[in-house]
Protein backbone atom coordinates (compact mmCIF):
# COMPACT_ATOMS: atom_id res chain seq x y z
CA MET A 1 10.59 -18.47 12.53
CA SER A 2 8.33 -16.35 14.42
CA ASN A 3 5.86 -13.95 12.76
CA GLU A 4 7.52 -11.10 14.53
CA LEU A 5 11.02 -12.02 12.86
CA LEU A 6 9.37 -12.71 9.21
CA TRP A 7 7.44 -9.25 9.62
CA VAL A 8 10.82 -7.29 9.78
CA ILE A 9 12.48 -9.53 7.09
CA PHE A 10 9.17 -8.44 5.04
CA ILE A 11 9.83 -5.15 5.27
CA VAL A 12 13.54 -4.91 4.63
CA VAL A 13 12.99 -7.44 1.35
CA GLN A 14 10.20 -5.10 0.04
CA PHE A 15 11.63 -2.02 0.63
CA GLY A 16 14.96 -3.67 -1.18
CA LEU A 17 13.04 -4.74 -4.20
CA LEU A 18 11.73 -1.48 -4.33
CA VAL A 19 15.14 0.30 -4.57
CA GLY A 20 16.56 -2.45 -6.91
CA THR A 21 13.38 -1.39 -9.06
CA TYR A 22 14.10 2.20 -9.03
CA LYS A 23 17.33 1.85 -9.79
CA LEU A 24 16.97 -0.24 -12.89
CA PHE A 25 13.86 1.35 -14.47
CA GLY A 26 13.91 4.95 -13.06
CA LEU A 27 10.26 6.34 -12.70
CA THR A 28 8.87 4.08 -14.95
CA GLY A 29 9.67 1.33 -12.65
CA LEU A 30 7.85 3.17 -9.82
CA TYR A 31 5.08 3.20 -11.74
CA VAL A 32 5.06 -0.30 -12.13
CA TRP A 33 5.80 -1.16 -8.44
CA ILE A 34 2.74 0.71 -7.68
CA GLY A 35 0.27 -1.04 -10.32
CA PHE A 36 2.15 -4.38 -8.63
CA ALA A 37 1.96 -3.41 -5.00
CA ILE A 38 -1.63 -2.13 -5.17
CA VAL A 39 -2.50 -5.62 -6.47
CA ALA A 40 -0.41 -7.69 -4.19
CA ALA A 41 -1.57 -5.87 -1.13
CA ASN A 42 -5.12 -6.57 -1.76
CA ILE A 43 -4.10 -10.16 -2.34
CA GLN A 44 -2.24 -10.43 1.20
CA VAL A 45 -4.96 -8.60 2.77
CA VAL A 46 -7.02 -11.74 2.94
CA LYS A 47 -4.57 -13.52 5.19
CA MET A 48 -4.88 -13.04 8.87
CA VAL A 49 -1.59 -13.38 11.12
CA ASP A 50 -0.97 -12.60 14.64
CA LEU A 51 1.66 -10.19 15.37
CA PHE A 52 2.75 -9.02 18.62
CA GLY A 53 -0.09 -10.96 20.19
CA ILE A 54 -2.47 -9.13 18.04
CA SER A 55 -4.65 -10.42 15.25
CA GLY A 56 -4.67 -8.54 11.86
CA THR A 57 -4.33 -8.72 8.33
CA LEU A 58 -1.19 -9.11 6.21
CA GLY A 59 -0.86 -6.45 3.37
CA ASN A 60 0.22 -3.39 5.38
CA ILE A 61 3.74 -3.58 4.29
CA MET A 62 3.10 -3.85 0.89
CA TYR A 63 0.74 -1.16 0.83
CA GLY A 64 3.25 0.99 2.66
CA SER A 65 5.47 0.90 -0.44
CA ILE A 66 3.28 2.51 -2.58
CA PHE A 67 3.40 5.71 -0.15
CA LEU A 68 7.19 5.27 -0.43
CA ALA A 69 7.10 5.19 -4.06
CA THR A 70 4.49 8.26 -4.29
CA ASP A 71 6.86 10.39 -1.95
CA LEU A 72 9.96 9.54 -4.01
CA ILE A 73 8.27 10.73 -7.05
CA ASN A 74 6.84 13.79 -5.34
CA GLU A 75 10.45 14.64 -4.21
CA LYS A 76 12.17 13.95 -7.35
CA TYR A 77 9.74 14.64 -10.20
CA GLY A 78 7.11 16.92 -8.84
CA ARG A 79 3.34 16.46 -7.84
CA LYS A 80 2.18 15.92 -10.96
CA GLN A 81 3.98 13.10 -11.79
CA ALA A 82 3.31 11.71 -8.17
CA GLN A 83 -0.38 12.13 -8.56
CA LYS A 84 -0.18 10.39 -12.02
CA ALA A 85 1.00 7.56 -9.77
CA VAL A 86 -1.93 7.22 -7.94
CA TYR A 87 -4.16 7.36 -10.78
CA ILE A 88 -2.28 4.53 -12.20
CA GLY A 89 -2.59 2.39 -8.98
CA PHE A 90 -6.47 3.07 -9.16
CA VAL A 91 -6.84 1.79 -12.57
CA MET A 92 -4.85 -1.05 -12.12
CA LEU A 93 -6.69 -2.24 -8.73
CA VAL A 94 -10.09 -1.57 -10.67
CA SER A 95 -8.78 -3.81 -13.66
CA PHE A 96 -7.58 -6.29 -11.31
CA THR A 97 -11.16 -6.49 -9.51
CA VAL A 98 -12.89 -6.86 -12.86
CA ILE A 99 -10.87 -9.29 -14.43
CA THR A 100 -10.62 -11.45 -11.37
CA GLN A 101 -14.60 -11.43 -11.03
CA ILE A 102 -14.90 -12.28 -14.74
CA ALA A 103 -12.35 -15.18 -14.32
CA LEU A 104 -14.26 -16.92 -11.53
CA LYS A 105 -17.37 -17.19 -13.88
CA PHE A 106 -15.68 -19.58 -15.86
CA THR A 107 -17.02 -23.24 -15.25
CA PRO A 108 -13.85 -25.25 -14.62
CA ASN A 109 -13.32 -28.69 -16.48
CA GLU A 110 -13.16 -31.85 -14.46
CA TYR A 111 -9.14 -31.67 -14.39
CA ASP A 112 -9.34 -28.16 -12.73
CA PHE A 113 -8.10 -28.07 -8.98
CA ALA A 114 -7.53 -24.17 -8.48
CA GLN A 115 -11.31 -22.84 -8.67
CA SER A 116 -11.98 -23.41 -5.29
CA ALA A 117 -8.76 -21.30 -4.16
CA LEU A 118 -9.43 -18.61 -6.67
CA GLU A 119 -12.86 -18.17 -4.95
CA THR A 120 -11.51 -18.33 -1.46
CA VAL A 121 -8.77 -15.34 -2.60
CA PHE A 122 -10.94 -13.32 -5.45
CA THR A 123 -14.37 -13.20 -4.14
CA LEU A 124 -14.80 -9.99 -2.78
CA LEU A 125 -17.28 -8.83 -0.83
CA PRO A 126 -18.65 -5.58 -1.96
CA ARG A 127 -17.98 -3.42 1.43
CA ILE A 128 -14.43 -4.38 1.40
CA THR A 129 -13.71 -3.56 -2.41
CA ILE A 130 -15.39 -0.20 -2.02
CA GLY A 131 -13.65 0.53 1.13
CA SER A 132 -10.30 -0.40 -0.39
CA LEU A 133 -10.78 1.65 -3.47
CA THR A 134 -12.17 4.60 -1.59
CA ALA A 135 -9.51 4.52 1.23
CA TYR A 136 -6.98 4.15 -1.93
CA ILE A 137 -7.75 7.23 -4.06
CA ILE A 138 -8.46 9.58 -0.92
CA SER A 139 -5.46 8.68 1.02
CA GLN A 140 -2.94 8.90 -1.86
CA THR A 141 -4.19 11.88 -3.16
CA LEU A 142 -4.10 13.52 0.11
CA ASP A 143 -0.58 11.99 0.42
CA VAL A 144 0.41 13.78 -2.83
CA TYR A 145 -1.03 17.21 -1.69
CA LEU A 146 0.36 16.89 2.14
CA PHE A 147 3.89 16.42 1.00
CA ASP A 148 3.99 19.09 -1.48
CA LYS A 149 2.56 21.48 1.07
CA ILE A 150 4.88 20.37 3.61
CA LYS A 151 7.59 20.41 1.35
CA SER A 152 6.85 24.38 0.62
CA LYS A 153 7.58 25.13 4.34
CA PHE A 154 10.39 22.33 4.94
CA GLY A 155 12.09 22.12 1.62
CA SER A 156 15.72 21.25 2.51
CA LYS A 157 17.21 18.12 1.61
CA GLY A 158 17.78 17.56 5.34
CA GLN A 159 14.08 18.01 5.90
CA LEU A 160 13.23 14.97 3.76
CA TRP A 161 12.16 12.73 6.61
CA ILE A 162 9.65 15.84 8.14
CA ARG A 163 7.56 15.72 4.56
CA ASN A 164 7.91 12.14 3.95
CA ASN A 165 6.69 11.07 7.50
CA GLY A 166 4.48 14.17 8.29
CA SER A 167 2.19 13.21 4.81
CA THR A 168 2.21 9.25 5.00
CA LEU A 169 1.21 9.14 8.72
CA ILE A 170 -1.95 11.90 8.38
CA SER A 171 -2.82 10.16 5.10
CA GLN A 172 -2.64 6.44 6.55
CA ALA A 173 -4.75 7.23 9.42
CA ILE A 174 -7.44 8.55 7.06
CA ASP A 175 -6.87 5.66 4.77
CA THR A 176 -6.94 3.16 7.66
CA ALA A 177 -10.02 4.81 9.32
CA ILE A 178 -11.92 4.58 5.42
CA PHE A 179 -11.27 1.18 4.99
CA THR A 180 -11.65 -0.45 8.31
CA PHE A 181 -15.04 1.49 8.99
CA ILE A 182 -16.67 1.18 5.76
CA ALA A 183 -15.59 -2.73 5.49
CA PHE A 184 -16.31 -3.95 9.27
CA THR A 185 -18.95 -1.26 10.75
CA GLY A 186 -22.00 -3.28 11.48
CA VAL A 187 -20.64 -6.62 10.52
CA LEU A 188 -18.27 -6.90 13.56
CA PRO A 189 -18.75 -5.21 17.23
CA PHE A 190 -17.46 -1.85 17.10
CA THR A 191 -14.81 -2.58 19.99
CA VAL A 192 -13.55 -5.03 17.63
CA VAL A 193 -13.87 -2.29 14.33
CA LEU A 194 -11.65 -0.33 16.99
CA GLU A 195 -9.19 -2.71 17.47
CA ILE A 196 -8.55 -3.44 13.74
CA PHE A 197 -8.15 0.27 13.28
CA TRP A 198 -5.66 0.74 16.01
CA PHE A 199 -3.33 -2.16 15.24
CA SER A 200 -3.59 -1.66 11.47
CA TYR A 201 -2.36 1.88 11.84
CA VAL A 202 0.17 1.27 14.55
CA ILE A 203 1.70 -1.39 12.08
CA LYS A 204 1.38 1.53 9.31
CA ILE A 205 3.41 4.04 11.80
CA ILE A 206 6.36 1.62 12.08
CA THR A 207 6.41 0.76 8.38
CA SER A 208 6.21 4.56 7.72
CA LEU A 209 9.26 5.28 10.08
CA VAL A 210 11.26 2.11 8.58
CA ASP A 211 10.93 3.62 5.13
CA THR A 212 12.71 6.83 5.93
CA PRO A 213 16.36 5.75 5.40
CA PHE A 214 15.00 4.13 2.40
CA VAL A 215 13.84 7.45 0.72
CA TYR A 216 16.78 9.19 1.27
CA TRP A 217 18.49 6.34 -0.18
CA MET A 218 16.44 6.19 -3.06
CA ARG A 219 16.96 10.12 -3.26
CA SER A 220 20.47 9.78 -3.73
CA ILE A 221 20.29 7.00 -6.68
CA LYS A 222 20.76 7.77 -10.26
CA PRO A 223 18.70 5.37 -12.12
CA LEU A 224 20.14 3.38 -15.18
CA GLU A 225 16.98 4.08 -17.12
CA ASP A 226 14.84 7.37 -16.41
């Protein structure tokens, strides 16, 4: 199975799981999803894949689901709850980083087989960690702000696609720029840094556009718990 087909399946599965989580657990489920997704995205980002003939990192789809979740919270529960979700995700990412770094310091015994694999995945370069944390808190806060502002101008039910895509596309551009330039400037040639930026942003644009029917679907759902 090609990476491109897997990528499409990956989008549908992850957004579908988010819909199911919201149906079962409501707002609480969205908070939990955001905490889970930020951790999962930062694990997946260490895997390099080729999509459409260009090399990039995995994790953009999972990361995109966070924007979908916060936009839905903003739509149905208001800006204050959406910003709370952003802070929850930030604390989870910081906590995950601290815990994994301490865990790596334990000396494995003679029967251990996982230490080297864990070091490969969880040994974080300072610039990547700083870039990820900075990009997340700035872009997500911006997304919440922009969604609320756009909603004040385009607030009808049928204009949800405008506030969803408008806020996400702008904030995703900021997110990609902050992370890419903090993490890779001076480490890789600038032309390569630009290629990483444009590839990552194009993938995020496609993911953002695909999430539009899901946000309409989720808005119509009455959760079992809320």
